[in-house]
Amino acid sequence: MREVQSLETDRNCDFVRAFCSSLGTDETSAVGFTTDGPHFASLDAPVVIFGPGKPQLCHKPDEYIEISDVEKAAGDYENIILKFLG
């Protein structure tokens, strides 16, 4: 069984605020599934878990992502990249 520590990133740090701003939101939320994020926390850099799909479907035997969610994510990723490169 694979186990990792929980992860919490300060929602008020500059990176998280800029990331959320690029998506037009100031909201963050917790997720109830495992990611590789905790492994990156040791780098002392903020970690944000973000991607297409519905969290309640993640890491399930019948996991899937709606095409419309993938299309929205493509636009979101573009906005994120432009925010940090701009």
PDB file of N, CA and C in Angstrom:
ATOM      1  N   MET A   1       0.841  -1.182   0.000  1.00  0.00           N
ATOM      2  CA  MET A   1       0.000   0.000   0.000  1.00  0.00           C
ATOM      3  C   MET A   1       0.887   1.248   0.000  1.00  0.00           C
ATOM      4  N   ARG A   2       0.550   2.185  -0.818  1.00  0.00           N
ATOM      5  CA  ARG A   2       1.292   3.442  -0.917  1.00  0.00           C
ATOM      6  C   ARG A   2       0.684   4.451   0.038  1.00  0.00           C
ATOM      7  N   GLU A   3       1.520   5.086   0.838  1.00  0.00           N
ATOM      8  CA  GLU A   3       1.046   6.112   1.758  1.00  0.00           C
ATOM      9  C   GLU A   3       1.892   7.367   1.598  1.00  0.00           C
ATOM     10  N   VAL A   4       1.249   8.509   1.645  1.00  0.00           N
ATOM     11  CA  VAL A   4       1.945   9.791   1.633  1.00  0.00           C
ATOM     12  C   VAL A   4       1.331  10.683   2.698  1.00  0.00           C
ATOM     13  N   GLN A   5       2.104  11.654   3.130  1.00  0.00           N
ATOM     14  CA  GLN A   5       1.618  12.612   4.111  1.00  0.00           C
ATOM     15  C   GLN A   5       0.591  13.545   3.469  1.00  0.00           C
ATOM     16  N   SER A   6      -0.241  14.114   4.302  1.00  0.00           N
ATOM     17  CA  SER A   6      -1.177  15.117   3.795  1.00  0.00           C
ATOM     18  C   SER A   6      -0.385  16.366   3.410  1.00  0.00           C
ATOM     19  N   LEU A   7      -1.023  17.224   2.670  1.00  0.00           N
ATOM     20  CA  LEU A   7      -0.375  18.425   2.152  1.00  0.00           C
ATOM     21  C   LEU A   7      -1.303  19.604   2.357  1.00  0.00           C
ATOM     22  N   GLU A   8      -0.760  20.698   2.846  1.00  0.00           N
ATOM     23  CA  GLU A   8      -1.534  21.934   2.935  1.00  0.00           C
ATOM     24  C   GLU A   8      -0.642  23.079   2.481  1.00  0.00           C
ATOM     25  N   THR A   9      -1.123  23.828   1.506  1.00  0.00           N
ATOM     26  CA  THR A   9      -0.406  24.993   0.998  1.00  0.00           C
ATOM     27  C   THR A   9      -1.148  26.231   1.470  1.00  0.00           C
ATOM     28  N   ASP A  10      -0.420  27.220   1.939  1.00  0.00           N
ATOM     29  CA  ASP A  10      -1.021  28.461   2.428  1.00  0.00           C
ATOM     30  C   ASP A  10      -1.796  29.142   1.303  1.00  0.00           C
ATOM     31  N   ARG A  11      -3.095  29.210   1.462  1.00  0.00           N
ATOM     32  CA  ARG A  11      -3.938  29.798   0.415  1.00  0.00           C
ATOM     33  C   ARG A  11      -3.695  31.289   0.230  1.00  0.00           C
ATOM     34  N   ASN A  12      -2.986  31.919   1.160  1.00  0.00           N
ATOM     35  CA  ASN A  12      -2.715  33.353   1.055  1.00  0.00           C
ATOM     36  C   ASN A  12      -1.323  33.658   0.510  1.00  0.00           C
ATOM     37  N   CYS A  13      -0.548  32.631   0.148  1.00  0.00           N
ATOM     38  CA  CYS A  13       0.779  32.917  -0.407  1.00  0.00           C
ATOM     39  C   CYS A  13       0.616  33.507  -1.809  1.00  0.00           C
ATOM     40  N   ASP A  14       1.618  34.262  -2.220  1.00  0.00           N
ATOM     41  CA  ASP A  14       1.541  34.973  -3.509  1.00  0.00           C
ATOM     42  C   ASP A  14       1.281  34.030  -4.680  1.00  0.00           C
ATOM     43  N   PHE A  15       1.945  32.875  -4.689  1.00  0.00           N
ATOM     44  CA  PHE A  15       1.776  31.934  -5.794  1.00  0.00           C
ATOM     45  C   PHE A  15       0.333  31.451  -5.893  1.00  0.00           C
ATOM     46  N   VAL A  16      -0.248  31.038  -4.775  1.00  0.00           N
ATOM     47  CA  VAL A  16      -1.626  30.531  -4.790  1.00  0.00           C
ATOM     48  C   VAL A  16      -2.584  31.634  -5.194  1.00  0.00           C
ATOM     49  N   ARG A  17      -2.371  32.827  -4.692  1.00  0.00           N
ATOM     50  CA  ARG A  17      -3.256  33.944  -5.051  1.00  0.00           C
ATOM     51  C   ARG A  17      -3.174  34.251  -6.539  1.00  0.00           C
ATOM     52  N   ALA A  18      -1.954  34.238  -7.106  1.00  0.00           N
ATOM     53  CA  ALA A  18      -1.793  34.490  -8.544  1.00  0.00           C
ATOM     54  C   ALA A  18      -2.399  33.355  -9.357  1.00  0.00           C
ATOM     55  N   PHE A  19      -2.198  32.120  -8.909  1.00  0.00           N
ATOM     56  CA  PHE A  19      -2.750  30.956  -9.589  1.00  0.00           C
ATOM     57  C   PHE A  19      -4.282  31.063  -9.636  1.00  0.00           C
ATOM     58  N   CYS A  20      -4.887  31.321  -8.489  1.00  0.00           N
ATOM     59  CA  CYS A  20      -6.347  31.441  -8.432  1.00  0.00           C
ATOM     60  C   CYS A  20      -6.838  32.616  -9.264  1.00  0.00           C
ATOM     61  N   SER A  21      -6.111  33.720  -9.222  1.00  0.00           N
ATOM     62  CA  SER A  21      -6.483  34.894 -10.008  1.00  0.00           C
ATOM     63  C   SER A  21      -6.524  34.573 -11.496  1.00  0.00           C
ATOM     64  N   SER A  22      -5.585  33.749 -11.962  1.00  0.00           N
ATOM     65  CA  SER A  22      -5.556  33.399 -13.380  1.00  0.00           C
ATOM     66  C   SER A  22      -6.784  32.600 -13.787  1.00  0.00           C
ATOM     67  N   LEU A  23      -7.441  31.984 -12.787  1.00  0.00           N
ATOM     68  CA  LEU A  23      -8.656  31.206 -13.044  1.00  0.00           C
ATOM     69  C   LEU A  23      -9.919  31.990 -12.736  1.00  0.00           C
ATOM     70  N   GLY A  24      -9.744  33.238 -12.292  1.00  0.00           N
ATOM     71  CA  GLY A  24     -10.898  34.082 -11.989  1.00  0.00           C
ATOM     72  C   GLY A  24     -11.595  33.701 -10.696  1.00  0.00           C
ATOM     73  N   THR A  25     -10.829  33.192  -9.725  1.00  0.00           N
ATOM     74  CA  THR A  25     -11.424  32.806  -8.452  1.00  0.00           C
ATOM     75  C   THR A  25     -10.482  33.153  -7.314  1.00  0.00           C
ATOM     76  N   ASP A  26     -11.016  33.214  -6.121  1.00  0.00           N
ATOM     77  CA  ASP A  26     -10.159  33.351  -4.943  1.00  0.00           C
ATOM     78  C   ASP A  26     -10.420  32.189  -3.983  1.00  0.00           C
ATOM     79  N   GLU A  27     -11.066  31.163  -4.500  1.00  0.00           N
ATOM     80  CA  GLU A  27     -11.420  29.992  -3.705  1.00  0.00           C
ATOM     81  C   GLU A  27     -10.407  28.865  -3.871  1.00  0.00           C
ATOM     82  N   THR A  28     -10.133  28.175  -2.789  1.00  0.00           N
ATOM     83  CA  THR A  28      -9.366  26.939  -2.829  1.00  0.00           C
ATOM     84  C   THR A  28     -10.170  25.898  -2.062  1.00  0.00           C
ATOM     85  N   SER A  29      -9.857  24.648  -2.256  1.00  0.00           N
ATOM     86  CA  SER A  29     -10.557  23.602  -1.508  1.00  0.00           C
ATOM     87  C   SER A  29      -9.644  22.394  -1.359  1.00  0.00           C
ATOM     88  N   ALA A  30      -9.986  21.556  -0.420  1.00  0.00           N
ATOM     89  CA  ALA A  30      -9.218  20.333  -0.175  1.00  0.00           C
ATOM     90  C   ALA A  30      -9.708  19.226  -1.093  1.00  0.00           C
ATOM     91  N   VAL A  31      -8.827  18.275  -1.369  1.00  0.00           N
ATOM     92  CA  VAL A  31      -9.204  17.089  -2.126  1.00  0.00           C
ATOM     93  C   VAL A  31      -8.956  15.865  -1.255  1.00  0.00           C
ATOM     94  N   GLY A  32      -9.736  14.845  -1.454  1.00  0.00           N
ATOM     95  CA  GLY A  32      -9.648  13.654  -0.624  1.00  0.00           C
ATOM     96  C   GLY A  32      -9.034  12.469  -1.332  1.00  0.00           C
ATOM     97  N   PHE A  33      -7.996  12.700  -2.111  1.00  0.00           N
ATOM     98  CA  PHE A  33      -7.322  11.595  -2.787  1.00  0.00           C
ATOM     99  C   PHE A  33      -5.826  11.857  -2.802  1.00  0.00           C
ATOM    100  N   THR A  34      -5.066  10.856  -3.105  1.00  0.00           N
ATOM    101  CA  THR A  34      -3.617  10.942  -3.085  1.00  0.00           C
ATOM    102  C   THR A  34      -3.079  11.509  -4.388  1.00  0.00           C
ATOM    103  N   THR A  35      -2.075  12.355  -4.258  1.00  0.00           N
ATOM    104  CA  THR A  35      -1.340  12.887  -5.412  1.00  0.00           C
ATOM    105  C   THR A  35       0.151  12.805  -5.098  1.00  0.00           C
ATOM    106  N   ASP A  36       0.961  13.204  -6.047  1.00  0.00           N
ATOM    107  CA  ASP A  36       2.399  13.280  -5.801  1.00  0.00           C
ATOM    108  C   ASP A  36       2.788  14.597  -5.137  1.00  0.00           C
ATOM    109  N   GLY A  37       1.825  15.472  -4.929  1.00  0.00           N
ATOM    110  CA  GLY A  37       2.093  16.787  -4.342  1.00  0.00           C
ATOM    111  C   GLY A  37       2.922  16.768  -3.072  1.00  0.00           C
ATOM    112  N   PRO A  38       2.620  15.900  -2.093  1.00  0.00           N
ATOM    113  CA  PRO A  38       3.418  15.906  -0.860  1.00  0.00           C
ATOM    114  C   PRO A  38       4.899  15.638  -1.091  1.00  0.00           C
ATOM    115  N   HIS A  39       5.247  14.923  -2.144  1.00  0.00           N
ATOM    116  CA  HIS A  39       6.656  14.660  -2.432  1.00  0.00           C
ATOM    117  C   HIS A  39       7.388  15.934  -2.861  1.00  0.00           C
ATOM    118  N   PHE A  40       6.664  16.890  -3.413  1.00  0.00           N
ATOM    119  CA  PHE A  40       7.264  18.142  -3.849  1.00  0.00           C
ATOM    120  C   PHE A  40       7.327  19.175  -2.735  1.00  0.00           C
ATOM    121  N   ALA A  41       6.567  18.979  -1.670  1.00  0.00           N
ATOM    122  CA  ALA A  41       6.546  19.924  -0.553  1.00  0.00           C
ATOM    123  C   ALA A  41       7.926  20.080   0.073  1.00  0.00           C
ATOM    124  N   SER A  42       8.752  19.052   0.005  1.00  0.00           N
ATOM    125  CA  SER A  42      10.094  19.137   0.577  1.00  0.00           C
ATOM    126  C   SER A  42      10.972  20.139  -0.170  1.00  0.00           C
ATOM    127  N   LEU A  43      10.543  20.606  -1.324  1.00  0.00           N
ATOM    128  CA  LEU A  43      11.298  21.597  -2.092  1.00  0.00           C
ATOM    129  C   LEU A  43      11.060  23.016  -1.590  1.00  0.00           C
ATOM    130  N   ASP A  44      10.217  23.144  -0.563  1.00  0.00           N
ATOM    131  CA  ASP A  44       9.866  24.449   0.010  1.00  0.00           C
ATOM    132  C   ASP A  44       9.274  25.394  -1.022  1.00  0.00           C
ATOM    133  N   ALA A  45       8.510  24.849  -1.939  1.00  0.00           N
ATOM    134  CA  ALA A  45       7.788  25.637  -2.936  1.00  0.00           C
ATOM    135  C   ALA A  45       6.307  25.324  -2.773  1.00  0.00           C
ATOM    136  N   PRO A  46       5.439  26.300  -3.019  1.00  0.00           N
ATOM    137  CA  PRO A  46       4.005  26.026  -2.897  1.00  0.00           C
ATOM    138  C   PRO A  46       3.551  24.989  -3.923  1.00  0.00           C
ATOM    139  N   VAL A  47       2.662  24.117  -3.511  1.00  0.00           N
ATOM    140  CA  VAL A  47       2.136  23.062  -4.369  1.00  0.00           C
ATOM    141  C   VAL A  47       0.638  23.260  -4.510  1.00  0.00           C
ATOM    142  N   VAL A  48       0.155  23.262  -5.742  1.00  0.00           N
ATOM    143  CA  VAL A  48      -1.274  23.366  -6.027  1.00  0.00           C
ATOM    144  C   VAL A  48      -1.674  22.142  -6.835  1.00  0.00           C
ATOM    145  N   ILE A  49      -2.734  21.473  -6.427  1.00  0.00           N
ATOM    146  CA  ILE A  49      -3.269  20.331  -7.156  1.00  0.00           C
ATOM    147  C   ILE A  49      -4.392  20.867  -8.037  1.00  0.00           C
ATOM    148  N   PHE A  50      -4.252  20.696  -9.346  1.00  0.00           N
ATOM    149  CA  PHE A  50      -5.226  21.255 -10.276  1.00  0.00           C
ATOM    150  C   PHE A  50      -5.301  20.379 -11.509  1.00  0.00           C
ATOM    151  N   GLY A  51      -6.494  20.169 -12.000  1.00  0.00           N
ATOM    152  CA  GLY A  51      -6.646  19.409 -13.222  1.00  0.00           C
ATOM    153  C   GLY A  51      -8.107  19.242 -13.580  1.00  0.00           C
ATOM    154  N   PRO A  52      -8.363  18.731 -14.752  1.00  0.00           N
ATOM    155  CA  PRO A  52      -9.742  18.565 -15.209  1.00  0.00           C
ATOM    156  C   PRO A  52     -10.430  17.404 -14.515  1.00  0.00           C
ATOM    157  N   GLY A  53     -11.731  17.427 -14.577  1.00  0.00           N
ATOM    158  CA  GLY A  53     -12.523  16.327 -14.038  1.00  0.00           C
ATOM    159  C   GLY A  53     -13.177  16.677 -12.721  1.00  0.00           C
ATOM    160  N   LYS A  54     -13.945  15.759 -12.242  1.00  0.00           N
ATOM    161  CA  LYS A  54     -14.680  15.928 -10.995  1.00  0.00           C
ATOM    162  C   LYS A  54     -13.977  15.134  -9.891  1.00  0.00           C
ATOM    163  N   PRO A  55     -13.624  15.806  -8.783  1.00  0.00           N
ATOM    164  CA  PRO A  55     -12.871  15.133  -7.730  1.00  0.00           C
ATOM    165  C   PRO A  55     -13.506  13.834  -7.228  1.00  0.00           C
ATOM    166  N   GLN A  56     -14.818  13.764  -7.205  1.00  0.00           N
ATOM    167  CA  GLN A  56     -15.474  12.552  -6.698  1.00  0.00           C
ATOM    168  C   GLN A  56     -15.283  11.347  -7.619  1.00  0.00           C
ATOM    169  N   LEU A  57     -14.770  11.572  -8.832  1.00  0.00           N
ATOM    170  CA  LEU A  57     -14.516  10.474  -9.776  1.00  0.00           C
ATOM    171  C   LEU A  57     -13.043  10.067  -9.830  1.00  0.00           C
ATOM    172  N   CYS A  58     -12.180  10.822  -9.169  1.00  0.00           N
ATOM    173  CA  CYS A  58     -10.745  10.552  -9.247  1.00  0.00           C
ATOM    174  C   CYS A  58     -10.365   9.250  -8.567  1.00  0.00           C
ATOM    175  N   HIS A  59      -9.486   8.532  -9.216  1.00  0.00           N
ATOM    176  CA  HIS A  59      -8.885   7.324  -8.657  1.00  0.00           C
ATOM    177  C   HIS A  59      -9.920   6.276  -8.257  1.00  0.00           C
ATOM    178  N   LYS A  60     -10.894   6.108  -9.109  1.00  0.00           N
ATOM    179  CA  LYS A  60     -11.933   5.086  -8.937  1.00  0.00           C
ATOM    180  C   LYS A  60     -11.802   4.078 -10.077  1.00  0.00           C
ATOM    181  N   PRO A  61     -12.329   2.875  -9.907  1.00  0.00           N
ATOM    182  CA  PRO A  61     -12.249   1.877 -10.990  1.00  0.00           C
ATOM    183  C   PRO A  61     -12.873   2.363 -12.305  1.00  0.00           C
ATOM    184  N   ASP A  62     -13.906   3.192 -12.208  1.00  0.00           N
ATOM    185  CA  ASP A  62     -14.584   3.671 -13.416  1.00  0.00           C
ATOM    186  C   ASP A  62     -14.324   5.166 -13.643  1.00  0.00           C
ATOM    187  N   GLU A  63     -13.129   5.611 -13.302  1.00  0.00           N
ATOM    188  CA  GLU A  63     -12.760   7.014 -13.455  1.00  0.00           C
ATOM    189  C   GLU A  63     -12.893   7.451 -14.915  1.00  0.00           C
ATOM    190  N   TYR A  64     -13.396   8.667 -15.113  1.00  0.00           N
ATOM    191  CA  TYR A  64     -13.460   9.239 -16.454  1.00  0.00           C
ATOM    192  C   TYR A  64     -13.486  10.757 -16.346  1.00  0.00           C
ATOM    193  N   ILE A  65     -13.214  11.431 -17.458  1.00  0.00           N
ATOM    194  CA  ILE A  65     -13.254  12.887 -17.538  1.00  0.00           C
ATOM    195  C   ILE A  65     -14.105  13.259 -18.737  1.00  0.00           C
ATOM    196  N   GLU A  66     -15.042  14.136 -18.518  1.00  0.00           N
ATOM    197  CA  GLU A  66     -15.883  14.634 -19.608  1.00  0.00           C
ATOM    198  C   GLU A  66     -15.033  15.455 -20.580  1.00  0.00           C
ATOM    199  N   ILE A  67     -15.301  15.345 -21.869  1.00  0.00           N
ATOM    200  CA  ILE A  67     -14.585  16.117 -22.887  1.00  0.00           C
ATOM    201  C   ILE A  67     -14.705  17.611 -22.597  1.00  0.00           C
ATOM    202  N   SER A  68     -15.859  18.070 -22.165  1.00  0.00           N
ATOM    203  CA  SER A  68     -16.040  19.495 -21.867  1.00  0.00           C
ATOM    204  C   SER A  68     -15.123  19.948 -20.729  1.00  0.00           C
ATOM    205  N   ASP A  69     -14.844  19.068 -19.762  1.00  0.00           N
ATOM    206  CA  ASP A  69     -13.920  19.402 -18.681  1.00  0.00           C
ATOM    207  C   ASP A  69     -12.487  19.515 -19.197  1.00  0.00           C
ATOM    208  N   VAL A  70     -12.110  18.654 -20.140  1.00  0.00           N
ATOM    209  CA  VAL A  70     -10.775  18.721 -20.743  1.00  0.00           C
ATOM    210  C   VAL A  70     -10.635  20.012 -21.547  1.00  0.00           C
ATOM    211  N   GLU A  71     -11.666  20.379 -22.287  1.00  0.00           N
ATOM    212  CA  GLU A  71     -11.636  21.607 -23.081  1.00  0.00           C
ATOM    213  C   GLU A  71     -11.533  22.832 -22.181  1.00  0.00           C
ATOM    214  N   LYS A  72     -12.280  22.847 -21.089  1.00  0.00           N
ATOM    215  CA  LYS A  72     -12.192  23.967 -20.135  1.00  0.00           C
ATOM    216  C   LYS A  72     -10.800  24.028 -19.534  1.00  0.00           C
ATOM    217  N   ALA A  73     -10.241  22.879 -19.169  1.00  0.00           N
ATOM    218  CA  ALA A  73      -8.907  22.841 -18.580  1.00  0.00           C
ATOM    219  C   ALA A  73      -7.861  23.398 -19.534  1.00  0.00           C
ATOM    220  N   ALA A  74      -7.996  23.137 -20.837  1.00  0.00           N
ATOM    221  CA  ALA A  74      -7.045  23.667 -21.812  1.00  0.00           C
ATOM    222  C   ALA A  74      -7.009  25.196 -21.740  1.00  0.00           C
ATOM    223  N   GLY A  75      -8.177  25.811 -21.646  1.00  0.00           N
ATOM    224  CA  GLY A  75      -8.243  27.268 -21.500  1.00  0.00           C
ATOM    225  C   GLY A  75      -7.680  27.725 -20.163  1.00  0.00           C
ATOM    226  N   ASP A  76      -7.963  26.972 -19.112  1.00  0.00           N
ATOM    227  CA  ASP A  76      -7.433  27.309 -17.785  1.00  0.00           C
ATOM    228  C   ASP A  76      -5.909  27.255 -17.788  1.00  0.00           C
ATOM    229  N   TYR A  77      -5.352  26.189 -18.371  1.00  0.00           N
ATOM    230  CA  TYR A  77      -3.891  26.068 -18.426  1.00  0.00           C
ATOM    231  C   TYR A  77      -3.282  27.224 -19.214  1.00  0.00           C
ATOM    232  N   GLU A  78      -3.922  27.624 -20.287  1.00  0.00           N
ATOM    233  CA  GLU A  78      -3.435  28.763 -21.064  1.00  0.00           C
ATOM    234  C   GLU A  78      -3.400  30.019 -20.195  1.00  0.00           C
ATOM    235  N   ASN A  79      -4.475  30.256 -19.441  1.00  0.00           N
ATOM    236  CA  ASN A  79      -4.530  31.435 -18.568  1.00  0.00           C
ATOM    237  C   ASN A  79      -3.459  31.385 -17.485  1.00  0.00           C
ATOM    238  N   ILE A  80      -3.230  30.210 -16.927  1.00  0.00           N
ATOM    239  CA  ILE A  80      -2.202  30.050 -15.887  1.00  0.00           C
ATOM    240  C   ILE A  80      -0.828  30.366 -16.469  1.00  0.00           C
ATOM    241  N   ILE A  81      -0.524  29.808 -17.629  1.00  0.00           N
ATOM    242  CA  ILE A  81       0.789  30.026 -18.264  1.00  0.00           C
ATOM    243  C   ILE A  81       0.979  31.510 -18.585  1.00  0.00           C
ATOM    244  N   LEU A  82      -0.042  32.134 -19.156  1.00  0.00           N
ATOM    245  CA  LEU A  82       0.070  33.557 -19.489  1.00  0.00           C
ATOM    246  C   LEU A  82       0.243  34.412 -18.245  1.00  0.00           C
ATOM    247  N   LYS A  83      -0.394  34.052 -17.147  1.00  0.00           N
ATOM    248  CA  LYS A  83      -0.275  34.803 -15.892  1.00  0.00           C
ATOM    249  C   LYS A  83       1.165  34.785 -15.404  1.00  0.00           C
ATOM    250  N   PHE A  84       1.795  33.618 -15.456  1.00  0.00           N
ATOM    251  CA  PHE A  84       3.138  33.507 -14.901  1.00  0.00           C
ATOM    252  C   PHE A  84       4.246  33.890 -15.880  1.00  0.00           C
ATOM    253  N   LEU A  85       3.948  33.899 -17.162  1.00  0.00           N
ATOM    254  CA  LEU A  85       4.937  34.337 -18.146  1.00  0.00           C
ATOM    255  C   LEU A  85       4.815  35.822 -18.450  1.00  0.00           C
ATOM    256  N   GLY A  86       3.638  36.367 -18.160  1.00  0.00           N
ATOM    257  CA  GLY A  86       3.358  37.758 -18.491  1.00  0.00           C
ATOM    258  C   GLY A  86       3.976  38.693 -17.558  1.00  0.00           C
TER     259      GLY A  86
END
